[in-house]
């Protein structure tokens, strides 16, 4: 079985997160996504300290689909440099990990 990943993605709004998330699941790039609305972000952009409200997506996928998921999320995203980072899952409930793998085949 291929390695399983959580992919952390920030979005400009809940609506954008839902659009990206729905597409990733429909195209079987992610087994599922969780959307956490109401995140406050602070960051440097173009030499100035910025603050904005964002939403977070956590997408579950496997190593085989990770590159395609990253590319597709970037295509759908409104940011110039969206935060799309993958975190490997080192341990978990095996039936859940198998379900992720099977859902993105």
PDB file of N, CA and C in Angstrom:
ATOM      1  N   UNK A   1       0.855  -1.186   0.000  1.00  0.00           N
ATOM      2  CA  UNK A   1       0.000   0.000   0.000  1.00  0.00           C
ATOM      3  C   UNK A   1       0.894   1.241   0.000  1.00  0.00           C
ATOM      4  N   UNK A   2       0.529   2.219  -0.803  1.00  0.00           N
ATOM      5  CA  UNK A   2       1.275   3.479  -0.878  1.00  0.00           C
ATOM      6  C   UNK A   2       1.122   4.259   0.419  1.00  0.00           C
ATOM      7  N   UNK A   3       2.104   5.089   0.702  1.00  0.00           N
ATOM      8  CA  UNK A   3       2.057   5.942   1.886  1.00  0.00           C
ATOM      9  C   UNK A   3       0.847   6.864   1.813  1.00  0.00           C
ATOM     10  N   UNK A   4       0.326   7.220   2.981  1.00  0.00           N
ATOM     11  CA  UNK A   4      -0.844   8.088   3.083  1.00  0.00           C
ATOM     12  C   UNK A   4      -0.406   9.446   3.626  1.00  0.00           C
ATOM     13  N   UNK A   5      -1.049  10.507   3.137  1.00  0.00           N
ATOM     14  CA  UNK A   5      -0.697  11.871   3.507  1.00  0.00           C
ATOM     15  C   UNK A   5      -1.913  12.688   3.895  1.00  0.00           C
ATOM     16  N   UNK A   6      -1.708  13.610   4.825  1.00  0.00           N
ATOM     17  CA  UNK A   6      -2.629  14.718   5.057  1.00  0.00           C
ATOM     18  C   UNK A   6      -2.037  15.890   4.288  1.00  0.00           C
ATOM     19  N   UNK A   7      -2.850  16.559   3.489  1.00  0.00           N
ATOM     20  CA  UNK A   7      -2.393  17.726   2.745  1.00  0.00           C
ATOM     21  C   UNK A   7      -3.098  18.946   3.325  1.00  0.00           C
ATOM     22  N   UNK A   8      -2.300  19.842   3.865  1.00  0.00           N
ATOM     23  CA  UNK A   8      -2.784  21.067   4.515  1.00  0.00           C
ATOM     24  C   UNK A   8      -2.810  22.170   3.469  1.00  0.00           C
ATOM     25  N   UNK A   9      -3.993  22.755   3.282  1.00  0.00           N
ATOM     26  CA  UNK A   9      -4.182  23.793   2.268  1.00  0.00           C
ATOM     27  C   UNK A   9      -4.944  24.946   2.908  1.00  0.00           C
ATOM     28  N   UNK A  10      -4.445  26.174   2.749  1.00  0.00           N
ATOM     29  CA  UNK A  10      -5.212  27.325   3.203  1.00  0.00           C
ATOM     30  C   UNK A  10      -5.942  27.925   2.005  1.00  0.00           C
ATOM     31  N   UNK A  11      -7.086  28.544   2.265  1.00  0.00           N
ATOM     32  CA  UNK A  11      -7.900  29.155   1.207  1.00  0.00           C
ATOM     33  C   UNK A  11      -8.398  30.513   1.676  1.00  0.00           C
ATOM     34  N   UNK A  12      -8.747  31.357   0.726  1.00  0.00           N
ATOM     35  CA  UNK A  12      -9.159  32.727   1.038  1.00  0.00           C
ATOM     36  C   UNK A  12     -10.532  32.811   1.705  1.00  0.00           C
ATOM     37  N   UNK A  13     -11.336  31.756   1.555  1.00  0.00           N
ATOM     38  CA  UNK A  13     -12.690  31.769   2.121  1.00  0.00           C
ATOM     39  C   UNK A  13     -13.212  30.344   2.240  1.00  0.00           C
ATOM     40  N   UNK A  14     -14.299  30.200   2.969  1.00  0.00           N
ATOM     41  CA  UNK A  14     -14.955  28.903   3.066  1.00  0.00           C
ATOM     42  C   UNK A  14     -15.437  28.448   1.689  1.00  0.00           C
ATOM     43  N   UNK A  15     -15.944  29.386   0.907  1.00  0.00           N
ATOM     44  CA  UNK A  15     -16.443  29.052  -0.431  1.00  0.00           C
ATOM     45  C   UNK A  15     -15.317  28.513  -1.318  1.00  0.00           C
ATOM     46  N   UNK A  16     -14.161  29.178  -1.287  1.00  0.00           N
ATOM     47  CA  UNK A  16     -13.033  28.683  -2.089  1.00  0.00           C
ATOM     48  C   UNK A  16     -12.588  27.310  -1.598  1.00  0.00           C
ATOM     49  N   UNK A  17     -12.542  27.127  -0.285  1.00  0.00           N
ATOM     50  CA  UNK A  17     -12.169  25.832   0.291  1.00  0.00           C
ATOM     51  C   UNK A  17     -13.139  24.746  -0.162  1.00  0.00           C
ATOM     52  N   UNK A  18     -14.430  25.046  -0.173  1.00  0.00           N
ATOM     53  CA  UNK A  18     -15.427  24.069  -0.612  1.00  0.00           C
ATOM     54  C   UNK A  18     -15.270  23.729  -2.088  1.00  0.00           C
ATOM     55  N   UNK A  19     -14.981  24.715  -2.912  1.00  0.00           N
ATOM     56  CA  UNK A  19     -14.784  24.480  -4.343  1.00  0.00           C
ATOM     57  C   UNK A  19     -13.575  23.589  -4.577  1.00  0.00           C
ATOM     58  N   UNK A  20     -12.468  23.918  -3.930  1.00  0.00           N
ATOM     59  CA  UNK A  20     -11.259  23.104  -4.073  1.00  0.00           C
ATOM     60  C   UNK A  20     -11.505  21.702  -3.525  1.00  0.00           C
ATOM     61  N   UNK A  21     -12.048  21.616  -2.328  1.00  0.00           N
ATOM     62  CA  UNK A  21     -12.283  20.330  -1.692  1.00  0.00           C
ATOM     63  C   UNK A  21     -13.202  19.438  -2.495  1.00  0.00           C
ATOM     64  N   UNK A  22     -14.308  19.984  -2.962  1.00  0.00           N
ATOM     65  CA  UNK A  22     -15.263  19.193  -3.749  1.00  0.00           C
ATOM     66  C   UNK A  22     -14.591  18.647  -5.005  1.00  0.00           C
ATOM     67  N   UNK A  23     -13.813  19.480  -5.680  1.00  0.00           N
ATOM     68  CA  UNK A  23     -13.133  19.047  -6.900  1.00  0.00           C
ATOM     69  C   UNK A  23     -12.130  17.938  -6.612  1.00  0.00           C
ATOM     70  N   UNK A  24     -11.357  18.092  -5.550  1.00  0.00           N
ATOM     71  CA  UNK A  24     -10.358  17.072  -5.214  1.00  0.00           C
ATOM     72  C   UNK A  24     -11.007  15.721  -4.923  1.00  0.00           C
ATOM     73  N   UNK A  25     -12.152  15.732  -4.245  1.00  0.00           N
ATOM     74  CA  UNK A  25     -12.846  14.483  -3.935  1.00  0.00           C
ATOM     75  C   UNK A  25     -13.529  13.926  -5.180  1.00  0.00           C
ATOM     76  N   UNK A  26     -14.216  14.782  -5.943  1.00  0.00           N
ATOM     77  CA  UNK A  26     -14.894  14.315  -7.157  1.00  0.00           C
ATOM     78  C   UNK A  26     -13.917  13.679  -8.137  1.00  0.00           C
ATOM     79  N   UNK A  27     -12.717  14.249  -8.245  1.00  0.00           N
ATOM     80  CA  UNK A  27     -11.722  13.739  -9.184  1.00  0.00           C
ATOM     81  C   UNK A  27     -10.873  12.616  -8.580  1.00  0.00           C
ATOM     82  N   UNK A  28     -11.250  12.175  -7.388  1.00  0.00           N
ATOM     83  CA  UNK A  28     -10.572  11.077  -6.681  1.00  0.00           C
ATOM     84  C   UNK A  28      -9.089  11.340  -6.445  1.00  0.00           C
ATOM     85  N   UNK A  29      -8.769  12.613  -6.256  1.00  0.00           N
ATOM     86  CA  UNK A  29      -7.419  12.984  -5.851  1.00  0.00           C
ATOM     87  C   UNK A  29      -7.295  12.942  -4.337  1.00  0.00           C
ATOM     88  N   UNK A  30      -8.424  13.086  -3.654  1.00  0.00           N
ATOM     89  CA  UNK A  30      -8.498  12.986  -2.194  1.00  0.00           C
ATOM     90  C   UNK A  30      -9.641  12.061  -1.829  1.00  0.00           C
ATOM     91  N   UNK A  31      -9.436  11.268  -0.785  1.00  0.00           N
ATOM     92  CA  UNK A  31     -10.509  10.411  -0.283  1.00  0.00           C
ATOM     93  C   UNK A  31     -11.572  11.256   0.397  1.00  0.00           C
ATOM     94  N   UNK A  32     -11.136  12.280   1.099  1.00  0.00           N
ATOM     95  CA  UNK A  32     -12.046  13.206   1.752  1.00  0.00           C
ATOM     96  C   UNK A  32     -11.269  14.467   2.111  1.00  0.00           C
ATOM     97  N   UNK A  33     -11.999  15.518   2.428  1.00  0.00           N
ATOM     98  CA  UNK A  33     -11.386  16.747   2.928  1.00  0.00           C
ATOM     99  C   UNK A  33     -12.162  17.222   4.140  1.00  0.00           C
ATOM    100  N   UNK A  34     -11.463  17.830   5.051  1.00  0.00           N
ATOM    101  CA  UNK A  34     -12.086  18.532   6.170  1.00  0.00           C
ATOM    102  C   UNK A  34     -11.869  20.015   5.931  1.00  0.00           C
ATOM    103  N   UNK A  35     -12.889  20.819   6.196  1.00  0.00           N
ATOM    104  CA  UNK A  35     -12.778  22.264   6.044  1.00  0.00           C
ATOM    105  C   UNK A  35     -12.994  22.913   7.402  1.00  0.00           C
ATOM    106  N   UNK A  36     -12.006  23.693   7.799  1.00  0.00           N
ATOM    107  CA  UNK A  36     -12.052  24.423   9.060  1.00  0.00           C
ATOM    108  C   UNK A  36     -12.130  25.908   8.720  1.00  0.00           C
ATOM    109  N   UNK A  37     -13.265  26.504   8.975  1.00  0.00           N
ATOM    110  CA  UNK A  37     -13.472  27.914   8.650  1.00  0.00           C
ATOM    111  C   UNK A  37     -13.093  28.781   9.843  1.00  0.00           C
ATOM    112  N   UNK A  38     -12.820  30.036   9.569  1.00  0.00           N
ATOM    113  CA  UNK A  38     -12.603  30.997  10.644  1.00  0.00           C
ATOM    114  C   UNK A  38     -11.183  31.078  11.157  1.00  0.00           C
ATOM    115  N   UNK A  39     -10.201  30.685  10.355  1.00  0.00           N
ATOM    116  CA  UNK A  39      -8.810  30.798  10.764  1.00  0.00           C
ATOM    117  C   UNK A  39      -8.315  32.215  10.512  1.00  0.00           C
ATOM    118  N   UNK A  40      -7.522  32.750  11.407  1.00  0.00           N
ATOM    119  CA  UNK A  40      -6.907  34.059  11.239  1.00  0.00           C
ATOM    120  C   UNK A  40      -5.442  33.839  10.889  1.00  0.00           C
ATOM    121  N   UNK A  41      -4.985  34.434   9.812  1.00  0.00           N
ATOM    122  CA  UNK A  41      -3.597  34.288   9.383  1.00  0.00           C
ATOM    123  C   UNK A  41      -2.886  35.629   9.443  1.00  0.00           C
ATOM    124  N   UNK A  42      -1.626  35.590   9.821  1.00  0.00           N
ATOM    125  CA  UNK A  42      -0.745  36.750   9.779  1.00  0.00           C
ATOM    126  C   UNK A  42       0.506  36.338   9.033  1.00  0.00           C
ATOM    127  N   UNK A  43       0.958  37.178   8.102  1.00  0.00           N
ATOM    128  CA  UNK A  43       2.058  36.796   7.220  1.00  0.00           C
ATOM    129  C   UNK A  43       2.649  38.032   6.547  1.00  0.00           C
ATOM    130  N   UNK A  44       3.860  37.865   6.034  1.00  0.00           N
ATOM    131  CA  UNK A  44       4.497  38.912   5.247  1.00  0.00           C
ATOM    132  C   UNK A  44       4.113  38.735   3.792  1.00  0.00           C
ATOM    133  N   UNK A  45       3.696  39.820   3.149  1.00  0.00           N
ATOM    134  CA  UNK A  45       3.394  39.790   1.723  1.00  0.00           C
ATOM    135  C   UNK A  45       3.779  41.132   1.135  1.00  0.00           C
ATOM    136  N   UNK A  46       4.632  41.091   0.110  1.00  0.00           N
ATOM    137  CA  UNK A  46       5.113  42.276  -0.572  1.00  0.00           C
ATOM    138  C   UNK A  46       5.659  43.308   0.405  1.00  0.00           C
ATOM    139  N   UNK A  47       6.435  42.821   1.387  1.00  0.00           N
ATOM    140  CA  UNK A  47       7.133  43.693   2.319  1.00  0.00           C
ATOM    141  C   UNK A  47       6.301  44.258   3.455  1.00  0.00           C
ATOM    142  N   UNK A  48       5.055  43.835   3.576  1.00  0.00           N
ATOM    143  CA  UNK A  48       4.189  44.351   4.634  1.00  0.00           C
ATOM    144  C   UNK A  48       3.571  43.209   5.423  1.00  0.00           C
ATOM    145  N   UNK A  49       3.384  43.443   6.709  1.00  0.00           N
ATOM    146  CA  UNK A  49       2.699  42.481   7.562  1.00  0.00           C
ATOM    147  C   UNK A  49       1.211  42.518   7.236  1.00  0.00           C
ATOM    148  N   UNK A  50       0.657  41.371   6.908  1.00  0.00           N
ATOM    149  CA  UNK A  50      -0.751  41.258   6.526  1.00  0.00           C
ATOM    150  C   UNK A  50      -1.497  40.407   7.543  1.00  0.00           C
ATOM    151  N   UNK A  51      -2.799  40.569   7.571  1.00  0.00           N
ATOM    152  CA  UNK A  51      -3.670  39.744   8.391  1.00  0.00           C
ATOM    153  C   UNK A  51      -4.950  39.505   7.600  1.00  0.00           C
ATOM    154  N   UNK A  52      -5.405  38.264   7.594  1.00  0.00           N
ATOM    155  CA  UNK A  52      -6.634  37.966   6.863  1.00  0.00           C
ATOM    156  C   UNK A  52      -7.333  36.754   7.460  1.00  0.00           C
ATOM    157  N   UNK A  53      -8.619  36.661   7.175  1.00  0.00           N
ATOM    158  CA  UNK A  53      -9.401  35.485   7.549  1.00  0.00           C
ATOM    159  C   UNK A  53      -9.252  34.461   6.431  1.00  0.00           C
ATOM    160  N   UNK A  54      -9.087  33.213   6.805  1.00  0.00           N
ATOM    161  CA  UNK A  54      -8.939  32.140   5.831  1.00  0.00           C
ATOM    162  C   UNK A  54      -9.697  30.910   6.303  1.00  0.00           C
ATOM    163  N   UNK A  55      -9.745  29.924   5.447  1.00  0.00           N
ATOM    164  CA  UNK A  55     -10.265  28.598   5.792  1.00  0.00           C
ATOM    165  C   UNK A  55      -9.145  27.606   5.514  1.00  0.00           C
ATOM    166  N   UNK A  56      -9.174  26.485   6.209  1.00  0.00           N
ATOM    167  CA  UNK A  56      -8.172  25.432   6.041  1.00  0.00           C
ATOM    168  C   UNK A  56      -8.845  24.184   5.492  1.00  0.00           C
ATOM    169  N   UNK A  57      -8.194  23.549   4.544  1.00  0.00           N
ATOM    170  CA  UNK A  57      -8.611  22.229   4.067  1.00  0.00           C
ATOM    171  C   UNK A  57      -7.555  21.238   4.519  1.00  0.00           C
ATOM    172  N   UNK A  58      -7.989  20.092   4.952  1.00  0.00           N
ATOM    173  CA  UNK A  58      -7.084  18.976   5.190  1.00  0.00           C
ATOM    174  C   UNK A  58      -7.582  17.851   4.293  1.00  0.00           C
ATOM    175  N   UNK A  59      -6.803  17.551   3.272  1.00  0.00           N
ATOM    176  CA  UNK A  59      -7.166  16.520   2.307  1.00  0.00           C
ATOM    177  C   UNK A  59      -6.386  15.248   2.622  1.00  0.00           C
ATOM    178  N   UNK A  60      -7.039  14.101   2.471  1.00  0.00           N
ATOM    179  CA  UNK A  60      -6.379  12.818   2.694  1.00  0.00           C
ATOM    180  C   UNK A  60      -6.182  12.132   1.350  1.00  0.00           C
ATOM    181  N   UNK A  61      -4.925  11.733   1.094  1.00  0.00           N
ATOM    182  CA  UNK A  61      -4.607  11.086  -0.176  1.00  0.00           C
ATOM    183  C   UNK A  61      -3.449  10.119   0.023  1.00  0.00           C
ATOM    184  N   UNK A  62      -3.037   9.474  -1.076  1.00  0.00           N
ATOM    185  CA  UNK A  62      -1.870   8.603  -0.994  1.00  0.00           C
ATOM    186  C   UNK A  62      -0.734   9.169  -1.847  1.00  0.00           C
ATOM    187  N   UNK A  63       0.424   8.558  -1.734  1.00  0.00           N
ATOM    188  CA  UNK A  63       1.612   9.067  -2.423  1.00  0.00           C
ATOM    189  C   UNK A  63       1.416   9.098  -3.938  1.00  0.00           C
ATOM    190  N   UNK A  64       0.709   8.111  -4.466  1.00  0.00           N
ATOM    191  CA  UNK A  64       0.496   8.027  -5.910  1.00  0.00           C
ATOM    192  C   UNK A  64      -0.296   9.224  -6.450  1.00  0.00           C
ATOM    193  N   UNK A  65      -1.176   9.794  -5.656  1.00  0.00           N
ATOM    194  CA  UNK A  65      -2.041  10.896  -6.112  1.00  0.00           C
ATOM    195  C   UNK A  65      -1.581  12.267  -5.611  1.00  0.00           C
ATOM    196  N   UNK A  66      -0.532  12.286  -4.802  1.00  0.00           N
ATOM    197  CA  UNK A  66      -0.105  13.517  -4.137  1.00  0.00           C
ATOM    198  C   UNK A  66       0.284  14.623  -5.116  1.00  0.00           C
ATOM    199  N   UNK A  67       1.079  14.326  -6.113  1.00  0.00           N
ATOM    200  CA  UNK A  67       1.499  15.358  -7.075  1.00  0.00           C
ATOM    201  C   UNK A  67       0.311  15.911  -7.853  1.00  0.00           C
ATOM    202  N   UNK A  68      -0.573  15.024  -8.300  1.00  0.00           N
ATOM    203  CA  UNK A  68      -1.751  15.472  -9.056  1.00  0.00           C
ATOM    204  C   UNK A  68      -2.658  16.325  -8.175  1.00  0.00           C
ATOM    205  N   UNK A  69      -2.822  15.938  -6.908  1.00  0.00           N
ATOM    206  CA  UNK A  69      -3.639  16.725  -5.981  1.00  0.00           C
ATOM    207  C   UNK A  69      -3.032  18.115  -5.795  1.00  0.00           C
ATOM    208  N   UNK A  70      -1.720  18.181  -5.596  1.00  0.00           N
ATOM    209  CA  UNK A  70      -1.046  19.464  -5.401  1.00  0.00           C
ATOM    210  C   UNK A  70      -1.232  20.364  -6.615  1.00  0.00           C
ATOM    211  N   UNK A  71      -1.025  19.827  -7.795  1.00  0.00           N
ATOM    212  CA  UNK A  71      -1.180  20.613  -9.024  1.00  0.00           C
ATOM    213  C   UNK A  71      -2.613  21.098  -9.211  1.00  0.00           C
ATOM    214  N   UNK A  72      -3.577  20.220  -8.964  1.00  0.00           N
ATOM    215  CA  UNK A  72      -4.989  20.589  -9.161  1.00  0.00           C
ATOM    216  C   UNK A  72      -5.418  21.650  -8.159  1.00  0.00           C
ATOM    217  N   UNK A  73      -5.008  21.496  -6.899  1.00  0.00           N
ATOM    218  CA  UNK A  73      -5.353  22.494  -5.888  1.00  0.00           C
ATOM    219  C   UNK A  73      -4.763  23.851  -6.257  1.00  0.00           C
ATOM    220  N   UNK A  74      -3.534  23.864  -6.747  1.00  0.00           N
ATOM    221  CA  UNK A  74      -2.903  25.126  -7.154  1.00  0.00           C
ATOM    222  C   UNK A  74      -3.643  25.768  -8.328  1.00  0.00           C
ATOM    223  N   UNK A  75      -4.099  24.954  -9.290  1.00  0.00           N
ATOM    224  CA  UNK A  75      -4.869  25.468 -10.440  1.00  0.00           C
ATOM    225  C   UNK A  75      -6.158  26.144 -10.000  1.00  0.00           C
ATOM    226  N   UNK A  76      -6.816  25.575  -8.997  1.00  0.00           N
ATOM    227  CA  UNK A  76      -8.116  26.072  -8.538  1.00  0.00           C
ATOM    228  C   UNK A  76      -7.990  27.251  -7.574  1.00  0.00           C
ATOM    229  N   UNK A  77      -6.807  27.500  -7.078  1.00  0.00           N
ATOM    230  CA  UNK A  77      -6.584  28.453  -5.992  1.00  0.00           C
ATOM    231  C   UNK A  77      -6.472  29.889  -6.496  1.00  0.00           C
ATOM    232  N   UNK A  78      -6.897  30.831  -5.671  1.00  0.00           N
ATOM    233  CA  UNK A  78      -6.826  32.250  -6.036  1.00  0.00           C
ATOM    234  C   UNK A  78      -5.496  32.904  -5.672  1.00  0.00           C
ATOM    235  N   UNK A  79      -4.693  32.269  -4.827  1.00  0.00           N
ATOM    236  CA  UNK A  79      -3.427  32.867  -4.387  1.00  0.00           C
ATOM    237  C   UNK A  79      -2.317  32.644  -5.418  1.00  0.00           C
ATOM    238  N   UNK A  80      -1.356  33.577  -5.446  1.00  0.00           N
ATOM    239  CA  UNK A  80      -0.174  33.411  -6.291  1.00  0.00           C
ATOM    240  C   UNK A  80       0.674  32.232  -5.820  1.00  0.00           C
ATOM    241  N   UNK A  81       0.837  32.102  -4.496  1.00  0.00           N
ATOM    242  CA  UNK A  81       1.648  31.043  -3.904  1.00  0.00           C
ATOM    243  C   UNK A  81       0.854  30.375  -2.787  1.00  0.00           C
ATOM    244  N   UNK A  82      -0.108  29.529  -3.136  1.00  0.00           N
ATOM    245  CA  UNK A  82      -0.941  28.924  -2.089  1.00  0.00           C
ATOM    246  C   UNK A  82      -0.146  27.978  -1.195  1.00  0.00           C
ATOM    247  N   UNK A  83      -0.549  27.938   0.054  1.00  0.00           N
ATOM    248  CA  UNK A  83       0.022  26.981   1.003  1.00  0.00           C
ATOM    249  C   UNK A  83      -0.610  25.627   0.717  1.00  0.00           C
ATOM    250  N   UNK A  84       0.193  24.735   0.172  1.00  0.00           N
ATOM    251  CA  UNK A  84      -0.225  23.352  -0.082  1.00  0.00           C
ATOM    252  C   UNK A  84       0.952  22.493   0.348  1.00  0.00           C
ATOM    253  N   UNK A  85       0.854  21.894   1.525  1.00  0.00           N
ATOM    254  CA  UNK A  85       1.962  21.100   2.046  1.00  0.00           C
ATOM    255  C   UNK A  85       1.457  19.733   2.490  1.00  0.00           C
ATOM    256  N   UNK A  86       2.281  18.718   2.267  1.00  0.00           N
ATOM    257  CA  UNK A  86       1.896  17.345   2.585  1.00  0.00           C
ATOM    258  C   UNK A  86       2.630  16.865   3.830  1.00  0.00           C
ATOM    259  N   UNK A  87       1.873  16.229   4.704  1.00  0.00           N
ATOM    260  CA  UNK A  87       2.415  15.669   5.938  1.00  0.00           C
ATOM    261  C   UNK A  87       2.191  14.159   5.916  1.00  0.00           C
ATOM    262  N   UNK A  88       3.262  13.368   5.950  1.00  0.00           N
ATOM    263  CA  UNK A  88       3.087  11.921   5.898  1.00  0.00           C
ATOM    264  C   UNK A  88       2.469  11.389   7.188  1.00  0.00           C
ATOM    265  N   UNK A  89       1.611  10.409   7.033  1.00  0.00           N
ATOM    266  CA  UNK A  89       1.003   9.747   8.179  1.00  0.00           C
ATOM    267  C   UNK A  89       1.880   8.541   8.517  1.00  0.00           C
ATOM    268  N   UNK A  90       2.486   8.575   9.680  1.00  0.00           N
ATOM    269  CA  UNK A  90       3.385   7.498  10.077  1.00  0.00           C
ATOM    270  C   UNK A  90       2.662   6.338  10.741  1.00  0.00           C
ATOM    271  N   UNK A  91       1.524   6.611  11.344  1.00  0.00           N
ATOM    272  CA  UNK A  91       0.778   5.560  12.024  1.00  0.00           C
ATOM    273  C   UNK A  91      -0.688   5.964  12.085  1.00  0.00           C
ATOM    274  N   UNK A  92      -1.566   4.979  12.047  1.00  0.00           N
ATOM    275  CA  UNK A  92      -2.989   5.244  12.157  1.00  0.00           C
ATOM    276  C   UNK A  92      -3.775   3.950  12.170  1.00  0.00           C
ATOM    277  N   UNK A  93      -5.066   4.093  12.243  1.00  0.00           N
ATOM    278  CA  UNK A  93      -5.968   2.954  12.245  1.00  0.00           C
ATOM    279  C   UNK A  93      -5.964   2.350  10.842  1.00  0.00           C
ATOM    280  N   UNK A  94      -5.478   1.123  10.718  1.00  0.00           N
ATOM    281  CA  UNK A  94      -5.270   0.508   9.406  1.00  0.00           C
ATOM    282  C   UNK A  94      -6.495   0.518   8.504  1.00  0.00           C
ATOM    283  N   UNK A  95      -7.701   0.172   8.981  1.00  0.00           N
ATOM    284  CA  UNK A  95      -8.858   0.213   8.079  1.00  0.00           C
ATOM    285  C   UNK A  95      -9.102   1.611   7.489  1.00  0.00           C
ATOM    286  N   UNK A  96      -8.856   2.655   8.255  1.00  0.00           N
ATOM    287  CA  UNK A  96      -9.013   4.022   7.753  1.00  0.00           C
ATOM    288  C   UNK A  96      -7.971   4.316   6.677  1.00  0.00           C
ATOM    289  N   UNK A  97      -6.732   3.937   6.916  1.00  0.00           N
ATOM    290  CA  UNK A  97      -5.667   4.181   5.946  1.00  0.00           C
ATOM    291  C   UNK A  97      -5.908   3.402   4.651  1.00  0.00           C
ATOM    292  N   UNK A  98      -6.402   2.192   4.765  1.00  0.00           N
ATOM    293  CA  UNK A  98      -6.742   1.400   3.578  1.00  0.00           C
ATOM    294  C   UNK A  98      -7.887   2.058   2.824  1.00  0.00           C
ATOM    295  N   UNK A  99      -8.886   2.575   3.549  1.00  0.00           N
ATOM    296  CA  UNK A  99     -10.012   3.271   2.903  1.00  0.00           C
ATOM    297  C   UNK A  99      -9.515   4.478   2.113  1.00  0.00           C
ATOM    298  N   UNK A 100      -8.593   5.251   2.683  1.00  0.00           N
ATOM    299  CA  UNK A 100      -8.036   6.398   1.938  1.00  0.00           C
ATOM    300  C   UNK A 100      -7.406   5.900   0.648  1.00  0.00           C
ATOM    301  N   UNK A 101      -6.554   4.923   0.767  1.00  0.00           N
ATOM    302  CA  UNK A 101      -5.854   4.392  -0.405  1.00  0.00           C
ATOM    303  C   UNK A 101      -6.842   3.908  -1.475  1.00  0.00           C
ATOM    304  N   UNK A 102      -7.842   3.142  -1.065  1.00  0.00           N
ATOM    305  CA  UNK A 102      -8.816   2.608  -2.014  1.00  0.00           C
ATOM    306  C   UNK A 102      -9.709   3.680  -2.623  1.00  0.00           C
ATOM    307  N   UNK A 103      -9.950   4.750  -1.908  1.00  0.00           N
ATOM    308  CA  UNK A 103     -10.852   5.805  -2.384  1.00  0.00           C
ATOM    309  C   UNK A 103     -10.238   6.677  -3.475  1.00  0.00           C
ATOM    310  N   UNK A 104      -8.923   6.700  -3.562  1.00  0.00           N
ATOM    311  CA  UNK A 104      -8.273   7.552  -4.565  1.00  0.00           C
ATOM    312  C   UNK A 104      -7.719   6.749  -5.745  1.00  0.00           C
ATOM    313  N   UNK A 105      -8.085   5.487  -5.837  1.00  0.00           N
ATOM    314  CA  UNK A 105      -7.603   4.640  -6.941  1.00  0.00           C
ATOM    315  C   UNK A 105      -8.315   4.956  -8.217  1.00  0.00           C
TER     316      UNK A 105
END
